Amino acid sequence: MSEEIRKNVTVEKTWVRAIFMLIFALFYSLAEFVLFAVIIFQFLTVLFSGEKNQKLLKFGNELCLYIFQILQYLTYNSDEKAFPLSDWPTGKSE
């Protein structure tokens, strides 16, 4: 192993990020399951009442933003960790 590779492999910051990446991959799986439930419940709400559930719309949007934040972190497009290590996303997506 070359000295440069040995140096890169021993960087503690990279290993700490790897641990956070595993944790956020688990959070992503859970969020994906919850999102699927939101989709089904919203569909059933529209099917039976003819109207969208506004609270569920807001939560669904925030959950999508949360999943996006996780994916940004996992793909190294962002160094900002997602909830619970930062604030829960609010607002509209761009």
C-alpha atoms as a PDB file:
ATOM      1  CA  MET A   1       0.000   0.000   0.000  1.00  0.00           C
ATOM      2  CA  SER A   2       1.390   3.369  -0.943  1.00  0.00           C
ATOM      3  CA  GLU A   3       1.994   6.011   1.688  1.00  0.00           C
ATOM      4  CA  GLU A   4      -0.745   8.278   0.279  1.00  0.00           C
ATOM      5  CA  ILE A   5      -3.371   5.535   0.449  1.00  0.00           C
ATOM      6  CA  ARG A   6      -2.253   4.586   3.961  1.00  0.00           C
ATOM      7  CA  LYS A   7      -2.586   8.244   4.984  1.00  0.00           C
ATOM      8  CA  ASN A   8      -6.098   8.509   3.445  1.00  0.00           C
ATOM      9  CA  VAL A   9      -7.292   5.292   5.101  1.00  0.00           C
ATOM     10  CA  THR A  10      -6.251   6.469   8.543  1.00  0.00           C
ATOM     11  CA  VAL A  11      -8.127   9.796   8.443  1.00  0.00           C
ATOM     12  CA  GLU A  12     -10.484   9.698  11.431  1.00  0.00           C
ATOM     13  CA  LYS A  13     -12.885  12.216   9.862  1.00  0.00           C
ATOM     14  CA  THR A  14     -13.629   9.793   7.011  1.00  0.00           C
ATOM     15  CA  TRP A  15     -14.449   6.943   9.390  1.00  0.00           C
ATOM     16  CA  VAL A  16     -16.706   9.162  11.503  1.00  0.00           C
ATOM     17  CA  ARG A  17     -18.577  10.143   8.345  1.00  0.00           C
ATOM     18  CA  ALA A  18     -18.887   6.444   7.439  1.00  0.00           C
ATOM     19  CA  ILE A  19     -20.626   5.792  10.759  1.00  0.00           C
ATOM     20  CA  PHE A  20     -23.004   8.698  10.183  1.00  0.00           C
ATOM     21  CA  MET A  21     -23.629   7.449   6.649  1.00  0.00           C
ATOM     22  CA  LEU A  22     -24.690   4.041   7.993  1.00  0.00           C
ATOM     23  CA  ILE A  23     -27.001   5.676  10.512  1.00  0.00           C
ATOM     24  CA  PHE A  24     -28.552   7.952   7.893  1.00  0.00           C
ATOM     25  CA  ALA A  25     -28.954   5.013   5.505  1.00  0.00           C
ATOM     26  CA  LEU A  26     -31.101   3.382   8.212  1.00  0.00           C
ATOM     27  CA  PHE A  27     -33.044   6.621   8.697  1.00  0.00           C
ATOM     28  CA  TYR A  28     -33.560   6.752   4.932  1.00  0.00           C
ATOM     29  CA  SER A  29     -35.049   3.247   4.938  1.00  0.00           C
ATOM     30  CA  LEU A  30     -37.425   4.173   7.741  1.00  0.00           C
ATOM     31  CA  ALA A  31     -38.375   7.465   6.062  1.00  0.00           C
ATOM     32  CA  GLU A  32     -39.049   5.618   2.807  1.00  0.00           C
ATOM     33  CA  PHE A  33     -41.459   3.286   4.639  1.00  0.00           C
ATOM     34  CA  VAL A  34     -43.239   6.240   6.289  1.00  0.00           C
ATOM     35  CA  LEU A  35     -43.455   8.047   2.943  1.00  0.00           C
ATOM     36  CA  PHE A  36     -45.104   4.998   1.403  1.00  0.00           C
ATOM     37  CA  ALA A  37     -47.677   5.038   4.224  1.00  0.00           C
ATOM     38  CA  VAL A  38     -48.294   8.772   3.637  1.00  0.00           C
ATOM     39  CA  ILE A  39     -48.842   8.124  -0.069  1.00  0.00           C
ATOM     40  CA  ILE A  40     -51.391   5.382   0.586  1.00  0.00           C
ATOM     41  CA  PHE A  41     -53.204   7.324   3.300  1.00  0.00           C
ATOM     42  CA  GLN A  42     -53.379  10.478   1.175  1.00  0.00           C
ATOM     43  CA  PHE A  43     -54.739   8.461  -1.749  1.00  0.00           C
ATOM     44  CA  LEU A  44     -57.407   6.885   0.448  1.00  0.00           C
ATOM     45  CA  THR A  45     -58.300  10.304   1.871  1.00  0.00           C
ATOM     46  CA  VAL A  46     -58.812  11.725  -1.625  1.00  0.00           C
ATOM     47  CA  LEU A  47     -60.654   8.591  -2.730  1.00  0.00           C
ATOM     48  CA  PHE A  48     -63.199   8.694   0.089  1.00  0.00           C
ATOM     49  CA  SER A  49     -63.495  12.406   0.841  1.00  0.00           C
ATOM     50  CA  GLY A  50     -62.576  13.989  -2.476  1.00  0.00           C
ATOM     51  CA  GLU A  51     -60.175  16.370  -0.729  1.00  0.00           C
ATOM     52  CA  LYS A  52     -56.510  16.314   0.211  1.00  0.00           C
ATOM     53  CA  ASN A  53     -55.531  16.176   3.861  1.00  0.00           C
ATOM     54  CA  GLN A  54     -53.651  19.483   4.328  1.00  0.00           C
ATOM     55  CA  LYS A  55     -51.672  18.340   7.363  1.00  0.00           C
ATOM     56  CA  LEU A  56     -50.599  15.237   5.503  1.00  0.00           C
ATOM     57  CA  LEU A  57     -49.596  17.361   2.493  1.00  0.00           C
ATOM     58  CA  LYS A  58     -47.348  19.461   4.725  1.00  0.00           C
ATOM     59  CA  PHE A  59     -45.837  16.411   6.414  1.00  0.00           C
ATOM     60  CA  GLY A  60     -45.339  14.649   3.082  1.00  0.00           C
ATOM     61  CA  ASN A  61     -43.492  17.668   1.710  1.00  0.00           C
ATOM     62  CA  GLU A  62     -41.280  17.900   4.788  1.00  0.00           C
ATOM     63  CA  LEU A  63     -40.584  14.170   4.650  1.00  0.00           C
ATOM     64  CA  CYS A  64     -39.538  14.481   0.990  1.00  0.00           C
ATOM     65  CA  LEU A  65     -37.191  17.333   1.918  1.00  0.00           C
ATOM     66  CA  TYR A  66     -35.785  15.216   4.756  1.00  0.00           C
ATOM     67  CA  ILE A  67     -35.142  12.303   2.398  1.00  0.00           C
ATOM     68  CA  PHE A  68     -33.471  14.724  -0.019  1.00  0.00           C
ATOM     69  CA  GLN A  69     -31.213  16.019   2.775  1.00  0.00           C
ATOM     70  CA  ILE A  70     -30.219  12.463   3.666  1.00  0.00           C
ATOM     71  CA  LEU A  71     -29.434  11.616   0.046  1.00  0.00           C
ATOM     72  CA  GLN A  72     -27.424  14.829  -0.336  1.00  0.00           C
ATOM     73  CA  TYR A  73     -25.327  13.807   2.669  1.00  0.00           C
ATOM     74  CA  LEU A  74     -24.926  10.182   1.584  1.00  0.00           C
ATOM     75  CA  THR A  75     -23.748  11.204  -1.891  1.00  0.00           C
ATOM     76  CA  TYR A  76     -21.252  13.770  -0.538  1.00  0.00           C
ATOM     77  CA  ASN A  77     -23.203  16.646  -2.107  1.00  0.00           C
ATOM     78  CA  SER A  78     -23.576  18.145   1.356  1.00  0.00           C
ATOM     79  CA  ASP A  79     -21.638  17.991   4.598  1.00  0.00           C
ATOM     80  CA  GLU A  80     -24.686  19.071   6.618  1.00  0.00           C
ATOM     81  CA  LYS A  81     -26.202  16.217   8.562  1.00  0.00           C
ATOM     82  CA  ALA A  82     -29.971  15.785   8.438  1.00  0.00           C
ATOM     83  CA  PHE A  83     -32.436  15.598  11.336  1.00  0.00           C
ATOM     84  CA  PRO A  84     -31.953  14.756  14.252  1.00  0.00           C
ATOM     85  CA  LEU A  85     -28.533  16.423  14.022  1.00  0.00           C
ATOM     86  CA  SER A  86     -30.057  19.513  12.429  1.00  0.00           C
ATOM     87  CA  ASP A  87     -33.500  21.085  12.300  1.00  0.00           C
ATOM     88  CA  TRP A  88     -36.436  19.269  10.738  1.00  0.00           C
ATOM     89  CA  PRO A  89     -36.933  20.647   7.210  1.00  0.00           C
ATOM     90  CA  THR A  90     -39.847  23.000   6.706  1.00  0.00           C
ATOM     91  CA  GLY A  91     -41.173  25.002   3.812  1.00  0.00           C
ATOM     92  CA  LYS A  92     -41.608  24.327   0.162  1.00  0.00           C
ATOM     93  CA  SER A  93     -39.162  22.473  -2.020  1.00  0.00           C
ATOM     94  CA  GLU A  94     -37.534  24.487  -4.772  1.00  0.00           C
END
